[in-house]
Amino acid sequence: MAGSYRDLVVWQRSIELSVAVCRLAKAFPADERYGLTAQLRRAAVSVASNLAEGYGRGSKGEYRQFAGIARGSALEVQTQLVIAKKLGMAGDRDLEAVAAVADEVGKMLWALFRKL
């Protein structure tokens, strides 16, 4: 594995997903700060974090395992965004924009997982 995990487009998009989720979550009701908001932020941050950790482990098997965990976190984000939308926690347009990034990242992670 040459280069750096930072060179991976999927890692870069995962960072963008985390930032988008954090910005979106600012619009959520204050009483959700320790509920869905916190869970959504943790899941989003977990995507890029697991990619970096897996890459740094140095073995293809562990990298694949952590890519799978990252994909699971991306799917968590997608699910939590659906719940947030159904609860009317932010504007549909904003939620759908972030959901599109989460979907893209999920597909990229699936492709990486299969390649490994």
N, C-alpha and C. Protein backbone atom coordinates (compact mmCIF):
# COMPACT_ATOMS: atom_id res chain seq x y z
N MET A 1 0.84 -1.18 0.00
CA MET A 1 0.00 0.00 0.00
C MET A 1 0.88 1.24 0.00
N ALA A 2 1.01 1.81 -1.15
CA ALA A 2 1.86 2.99 -1.29
C ALA A 2 1.04 4.25 -0.99
N GLY A 3 1.74 5.33 -0.77
CA GLY A 3 1.06 6.59 -0.54
C GLY A 3 0.49 6.70 0.86
N SER A 4 -0.64 7.35 0.94
CA SER A 4 -1.28 7.61 2.22
C SER A 4 -2.78 7.40 2.10
N TYR A 5 -3.41 7.11 3.21
CA TYR A 5 -4.86 7.00 3.21
C TYR A 5 -5.50 8.33 2.81
N ARG A 6 -4.78 9.42 3.04
CA ARG A 6 -5.29 10.75 2.68
C ARG A 6 -5.42 10.93 1.17
N ASP A 7 -4.73 10.08 0.41
CA ASP A 7 -4.82 10.14 -1.05
C ASP A 7 -6.08 9.44 -1.58
N LEU A 8 -6.73 8.67 -0.75
CA LEU A 8 -7.92 7.93 -1.17
C LEU A 8 -9.11 8.87 -1.33
N VAL A 9 -9.74 8.84 -2.48
CA VAL A 9 -10.91 9.68 -2.72
C VAL A 9 -12.02 9.34 -1.73
N VAL A 10 -12.16 8.07 -1.41
CA VAL A 10 -13.21 7.67 -0.47
C VAL A 10 -12.94 8.25 0.91
N TRP A 11 -11.70 8.35 1.32
CA TRP A 11 -11.39 8.97 2.61
C TRP A 11 -11.71 10.46 2.56
N GLN A 12 -11.34 11.11 1.47
CA GLN A 12 -11.60 12.54 1.30
C GLN A 12 -13.11 12.83 1.33
N ARG A 13 -13.88 12.00 0.64
CA ARG A 13 -15.34 12.17 0.64
C ARG A 13 -15.93 11.86 2.02
N SER A 14 -15.29 10.94 2.75
CA SER A 14 -15.75 10.62 4.11
C SER A 14 -15.55 11.82 5.04
N ILE A 15 -14.46 12.52 4.85
CA ILE A 15 -14.22 13.74 5.63
C ILE A 15 -15.30 14.78 5.30
N GLU A 16 -15.59 14.92 4.01
CA GLU A 16 -16.65 15.85 3.60
C GLU A 16 -17.99 15.45 4.21
N LEU A 17 -18.25 14.15 4.28
CA LEU A 17 -19.48 13.66 4.90
C LEU A 17 -19.52 14.06 6.37
N SER A 18 -18.44 13.89 7.08
CA SER A 18 -18.39 14.25 8.50
C SER A 18 -18.68 15.73 8.71
N VAL A 19 -18.06 16.55 7.89
CA VAL A 19 -18.26 18.00 8.00
C VAL A 19 -19.72 18.35 7.68
N ALA A 20 -20.27 17.75 6.64
CA ALA A 20 -21.66 18.02 6.27
C ALA A 20 -22.63 17.58 7.37
N VAL A 21 -22.36 16.43 7.98
CA VAL A 21 -23.21 15.96 9.06
C VAL A 21 -23.13 16.90 10.26
N CYS A 22 -21.94 17.33 10.62
CA CYS A 22 -21.79 18.24 11.76
C CYS A 22 -22.50 19.56 11.51
N ARG A 23 -22.41 20.07 10.30
CA ARG A 23 -23.11 21.32 9.97
C ARG A 23 -24.62 21.12 10.01
N LEU A 24 -25.09 20.02 9.45
CA LEU A 24 -26.52 19.72 9.43
C LEU A 24 -27.05 19.57 10.85
N ALA A 25 -26.31 18.88 11.69
CA ALA A 25 -26.75 18.60 13.05
C ALA A 25 -26.93 19.86 13.89
N LYS A 26 -26.29 20.95 13.50
CA LYS A 26 -26.47 22.22 14.22
C LYS A 26 -27.92 22.69 14.14
N ALA A 27 -28.63 22.28 13.09
CA ALA A 27 -30.03 22.68 12.92
C ALA A 27 -31.00 21.79 13.71
N PHE A 28 -30.52 20.69 14.24
CA PHE A 28 -31.38 19.77 14.97
C PHE A 28 -31.82 20.42 16.29
N PRO A 29 -32.95 20.00 16.81
CA PRO A 29 -33.42 20.55 18.09
C PRO A 29 -32.42 20.30 19.22
N ALA A 30 -32.35 21.24 20.14
CA ALA A 30 -31.40 21.15 21.25
C ALA A 30 -31.66 19.91 22.11
N ASP A 31 -32.91 19.49 22.22
CA ASP A 31 -33.21 18.33 23.06
C ASP A 31 -32.72 17.03 22.44
N GLU A 32 -32.22 17.08 21.23
CA GLU A 32 -31.65 15.89 20.57
C GLU A 32 -30.13 15.85 20.66
N ARG A 33 -29.54 16.80 21.35
CA ARG A 33 -28.08 16.93 21.42
C ARG A 33 -27.41 15.62 21.86
N TYR A 34 -28.02 14.92 22.79
CA TYR A 34 -27.41 13.69 23.32
C TYR A 34 -28.05 12.43 22.76
N GLY A 35 -28.97 12.60 21.84
CA GLY A 35 -29.64 11.47 21.24
C GLY A 35 -29.17 11.25 19.81
N LEU A 36 -30.08 11.45 18.90
CA LEU A 36 -29.79 11.20 17.49
C LEU A 36 -28.64 12.06 16.97
N THR A 37 -28.56 13.30 17.42
CA THR A 37 -27.49 14.20 16.97
C THR A 37 -26.12 13.62 17.28
N ALA A 38 -25.92 13.21 18.51
CA ALA A 38 -24.63 12.67 18.93
C ALA A 38 -24.32 11.37 18.20
N GLN A 39 -25.32 10.52 18.06
CA GLN A 39 -25.12 9.24 17.39
C GLN A 39 -24.76 9.44 15.92
N LEU A 40 -25.44 10.37 15.27
CA LEU A 40 -25.19 10.67 13.87
C LEU A 40 -23.78 11.21 13.67
N ARG A 41 -23.36 12.10 14.53
CA ARG A 41 -22.00 12.66 14.42
C ARG A 41 -20.94 11.57 14.64
N ARG A 42 -21.14 10.74 15.63
CA ARG A 42 -20.17 9.66 15.90
C ARG A 42 -20.06 8.72 14.71
N ALA A 43 -21.20 8.35 14.14
CA ALA A 43 -21.19 7.43 12.99
C ALA A 43 -20.47 8.06 11.81
N ALA A 44 -20.72 9.35 11.56
CA ALA A 44 -20.08 10.02 10.43
C ALA A 44 -18.57 10.11 10.61
N VAL A 45 -18.13 10.46 11.80
CA VAL A 45 -16.69 10.55 12.08
C VAL A 45 -16.04 9.17 11.99
N SER A 46 -16.78 8.15 12.35
CA SER A 46 -16.27 6.78 12.34
C SER A 46 -15.89 6.30 10.94
N VAL A 47 -16.56 6.81 9.92
CA VAL A 47 -16.29 6.35 8.55
C VAL A 47 -14.84 6.62 8.17
N ALA A 48 -14.43 7.88 8.18
CA ALA A 48 -13.06 8.23 7.80
C ALA A 48 -12.04 7.67 8.80
N SER A 49 -12.42 7.66 10.07
CA SER A 49 -11.51 7.16 11.11
C SER A 49 -11.17 5.69 10.91
N ASN A 50 -12.17 4.88 10.59
CA ASN A 50 -11.93 3.46 10.38
C ASN A 50 -11.14 3.21 9.10
N LEU A 51 -11.37 4.00 8.09
CA LEU A 51 -10.56 3.86 6.88
C LEU A 51 -9.09 4.13 7.19
N ALA A 52 -8.84 5.19 7.92
CA ALA A 52 -7.46 5.53 8.27
C ALA A 52 -6.83 4.45 9.15
N GLU A 53 -7.57 3.98 10.14
CA GLU A 53 -7.03 2.95 11.02
C GLU A 53 -6.72 1.66 10.27
N GLY A 54 -7.66 1.24 9.44
CA GLY A 54 -7.44 0.03 8.66
C GLY A 54 -6.25 0.15 7.73
N TYR A 55 -6.12 1.28 7.09
CA TYR A 55 -5.00 1.53 6.20
C TYR A 55 -3.68 1.44 6.97
N GLY A 56 -3.70 1.99 8.17
CA GLY A 56 -2.49 2.02 8.98
C GLY A 56 -2.11 0.70 9.61
N ARG A 57 -2.99 -0.26 9.60
CA ARG A 57 -2.70 -1.56 10.20
C ARG A 57 -1.65 -2.34 9.42
N GLY A 58 -1.55 -2.05 8.13
CA GLY A 58 -0.48 -2.66 7.34
C GLY A 58 -0.77 -4.01 6.73
N SER A 59 -1.90 -4.62 7.05
CA SER A 59 -2.23 -5.89 6.42
C SER A 59 -3.52 -5.74 5.63
N LYS A 60 -3.57 -6.45 4.52
CA LYS A 60 -4.74 -6.35 3.65
C LYS A 60 -6.00 -6.85 4.36
N GLY A 61 -5.86 -7.90 5.14
CA GLY A 61 -7.01 -8.46 5.85
C GLY A 61 -7.60 -7.47 6.85
N GLU A 62 -6.73 -6.83 7.63
CA GLU A 62 -7.23 -5.85 8.60
C GLU A 62 -7.79 -4.62 7.90
N TYR A 63 -7.15 -4.23 6.82
CA TYR A 63 -7.64 -3.09 6.05
C TYR A 63 -9.04 -3.38 5.54
N ARG A 64 -9.25 -4.58 5.04
CA ARG A 64 -10.57 -4.98 4.54
C ARG A 64 -11.59 -4.98 5.68
N GLN A 65 -11.18 -5.49 6.83
CA GLN A 65 -12.07 -5.52 7.98
C GLN A 65 -12.51 -4.10 8.37
N PHE A 66 -11.57 -3.18 8.44
CA PHE A 66 -11.89 -1.81 8.83
C PHE A 66 -12.66 -1.08 7.74
N ALA A 67 -12.43 -1.41 6.47
CA ALA A 67 -13.24 -0.85 5.38
C ALA A 67 -14.69 -1.31 5.54
N GLY A 68 -14.88 -2.54 5.96
CA GLY A 68 -16.22 -3.05 6.23
C GLY A 68 -16.89 -2.32 7.38
N ILE A 69 -16.12 -2.06 8.42
CA ILE A 69 -16.65 -1.31 9.56
C ILE A 69 -17.02 0.11 9.13
N ALA A 70 -16.16 0.72 8.32
CA ALA A 70 -16.44 2.06 7.80
C ALA A 70 -17.73 2.06 6.99
N ARG A 71 -17.93 1.04 6.18
CA ARG A 71 -19.16 0.93 5.38
C ARG A 71 -20.37 0.80 6.30
N GLY A 72 -20.23 0.01 7.34
CA GLY A 72 -21.32 -0.11 8.30
C GLY A 72 -21.67 1.23 8.92
N SER A 73 -20.66 2.02 9.23
CA SER A 73 -20.91 3.36 9.79
C SER A 73 -21.59 4.26 8.77
N ALA A 74 -21.20 4.15 7.51
CA ALA A 74 -21.85 4.94 6.46
C ALA A 74 -23.33 4.57 6.34
N LEU A 75 -23.62 3.29 6.48
CA LEU A 75 -25.02 2.86 6.44
C LEU A 75 -25.79 3.33 7.67
N GLU A 76 -25.09 3.40 8.81
CA GLU A 76 -25.70 3.97 10.02
C GLU A 76 -26.10 5.41 9.76
N VAL A 77 -25.19 6.16 9.16
CA VAL A 77 -25.47 7.57 8.85
C VAL A 77 -26.69 7.67 7.95
N GLN A 78 -26.74 6.84 6.91
CA GLN A 78 -27.88 6.87 6.00
C GLN A 78 -29.19 6.61 6.76
N THR A 79 -29.18 5.63 7.63
CA THR A 79 -30.36 5.27 8.41
C THR A 79 -30.77 6.40 9.34
N GLN A 80 -29.82 6.98 10.02
CA GLN A 80 -30.10 8.06 10.96
C GLN A 80 -30.62 9.31 10.24
N LEU A 81 -30.15 9.54 9.02
CA LEU A 81 -30.67 10.67 8.24
C LEU A 81 -32.13 10.44 7.85
N VAL A 82 -32.48 9.20 7.55
CA VAL A 82 -33.89 8.88 7.25
C VAL A 82 -34.75 9.17 8.47
N ILE A 83 -34.29 8.77 9.64
CA ILE A 83 -35.03 9.01 10.88
C ILE A 83 -35.16 10.52 11.12
N ALA A 84 -34.05 11.24 10.95
CA ALA A 84 -34.08 12.70 11.15
C ALA A 84 -35.07 13.36 10.19
N LYS A 85 -35.11 12.87 8.96
CA LYS A 85 -36.05 13.43 7.98
C LYS A 85 -37.49 13.17 8.41
N LYS A 86 -37.77 11.94 8.82
CA LYS A 86 -39.13 11.58 9.24
C LYS A 86 -39.57 12.37 10.47
N LEU A 87 -38.62 12.76 11.31
CA LEU A 87 -38.93 13.56 12.50
C LEU A 87 -38.94 15.06 12.20
N GLY A 88 -38.60 15.45 10.98
CA GLY A 88 -38.60 16.86 10.60
C GLY A 88 -37.54 17.67 11.33
N MET A 89 -36.38 17.06 11.56
CA MET A 89 -35.34 17.70 12.35
C MET A 89 -34.53 18.74 11.58
N ALA A 90 -34.63 18.74 10.26
CA ALA A 90 -33.95 19.73 9.42
C ALA A 90 -34.70 19.78 8.10
N GLY A 91 -34.34 20.72 7.28
CA GLY A 91 -35.00 20.85 5.98
C GLY A 91 -34.74 19.66 5.09
N ASP A 92 -35.76 19.27 4.33
CA ASP A 92 -35.63 18.12 3.43
C ASP A 92 -34.46 18.28 2.47
N ARG A 93 -34.31 19.46 1.92
CA ARG A 93 -33.24 19.70 0.95
C ARG A 93 -31.86 19.46 1.56
N ASP A 94 -31.66 19.98 2.78
CA ASP A 94 -30.37 19.80 3.47
C ASP A 94 -30.13 18.33 3.80
N LEU A 95 -31.15 17.68 4.31
CA LEU A 95 -31.03 16.26 4.65
C LEU A 95 -30.74 15.42 3.41
N GLU A 96 -31.41 15.70 2.32
CA GLU A 96 -31.21 14.93 1.09
C GLU A 96 -29.81 15.15 0.52
N ALA A 97 -29.28 16.35 0.65
CA ALA A 97 -27.93 16.63 0.16
C ALA A 97 -26.89 15.81 0.93
N VAL A 98 -27.04 15.76 2.24
CA VAL A 98 -26.11 14.99 3.06
C VAL A 98 -26.32 13.49 2.82
N ALA A 99 -27.56 13.09 2.66
CA ALA A 99 -27.85 11.68 2.38
C ALA A 99 -27.22 11.23 1.06
N ALA A 100 -27.17 12.13 0.09
CA ALA A 100 -26.55 11.80 -1.20
C ALA A 100 -25.05 11.55 -1.04
N VAL A 101 -24.40 12.35 -0.21
CA VAL A 101 -22.97 12.14 0.06
C VAL A 101 -22.78 10.82 0.80
N ALA A 102 -23.63 10.55 1.77
CA ALA A 102 -23.53 9.29 2.53
C ALA A 102 -23.73 8.09 1.61
N ASP A 103 -24.65 8.20 0.68
CA ASP A 103 -24.89 7.12 -0.28
C ASP A 103 -23.67 6.92 -1.18
N GLU A 104 -23.11 8.01 -1.65
CA GLU A 104 -21.92 7.93 -2.50
C GLU A 104 -20.75 7.27 -1.76
N VAL A 105 -20.53 7.69 -0.53
CA VAL A 105 -19.45 7.13 0.28
C VAL A 105 -19.71 5.65 0.52
N GLY A 106 -20.94 5.29 0.81
CA GLY A 106 -21.27 3.87 1.02
C GLY A 106 -20.94 3.03 -0.21
N LYS A 107 -21.27 3.52 -1.38
CA LYS A 107 -20.96 2.80 -2.62
C LYS A 107 -19.46 2.69 -2.85
N MET A 108 -18.75 3.76 -2.57
CA MET A 108 -17.29 3.75 -2.73
C MET A 108 -16.66 2.75 -1.76
N LEU A 109 -17.17 2.71 -0.55
CA LEU A 109 -16.63 1.77 0.45
C LEU A 109 -16.92 0.33 0.06
N TRP A 110 -18.08 0.07 -0.50
CA TRP A 110 -18.41 -1.27 -0.96
C TRP A 110 -17.44 -1.69 -2.07
N ALA A 111 -17.14 -0.77 -2.98
CA ALA A 111 -16.20 -1.07 -4.06
C ALA A 111 -14.80 -1.35 -3.49
N LEU A 112 -14.38 -0.55 -2.51
CA LEU A 112 -13.07 -0.77 -1.88
C LEU A 112 -13.04 -2.11 -1.17
N PHE A 113 -14.09 -2.40 -0.42
CA PHE A 113 -14.18 -3.66 0.32
C PHE A 113 -14.05 -4.84 -0.62
N ARG A 114 -14.78 -4.81 -1.72
CA ARG A 114 -14.74 -5.91 -2.69
C ARG A 114 -13.37 -6.02 -3.36
N LYS A 115 -12.72 -4.88 -3.58
CA LYS A 115 -11.40 -4.89 -4.21
C LYS A 115 -10.35 -5.50 -3.29
N LEU A 116 -10.50 -5.26 -2.00
CA LEU A 116 -9.53 -5.78 -1.04
C LEU A 116 -9.74 -7.27 -0.85
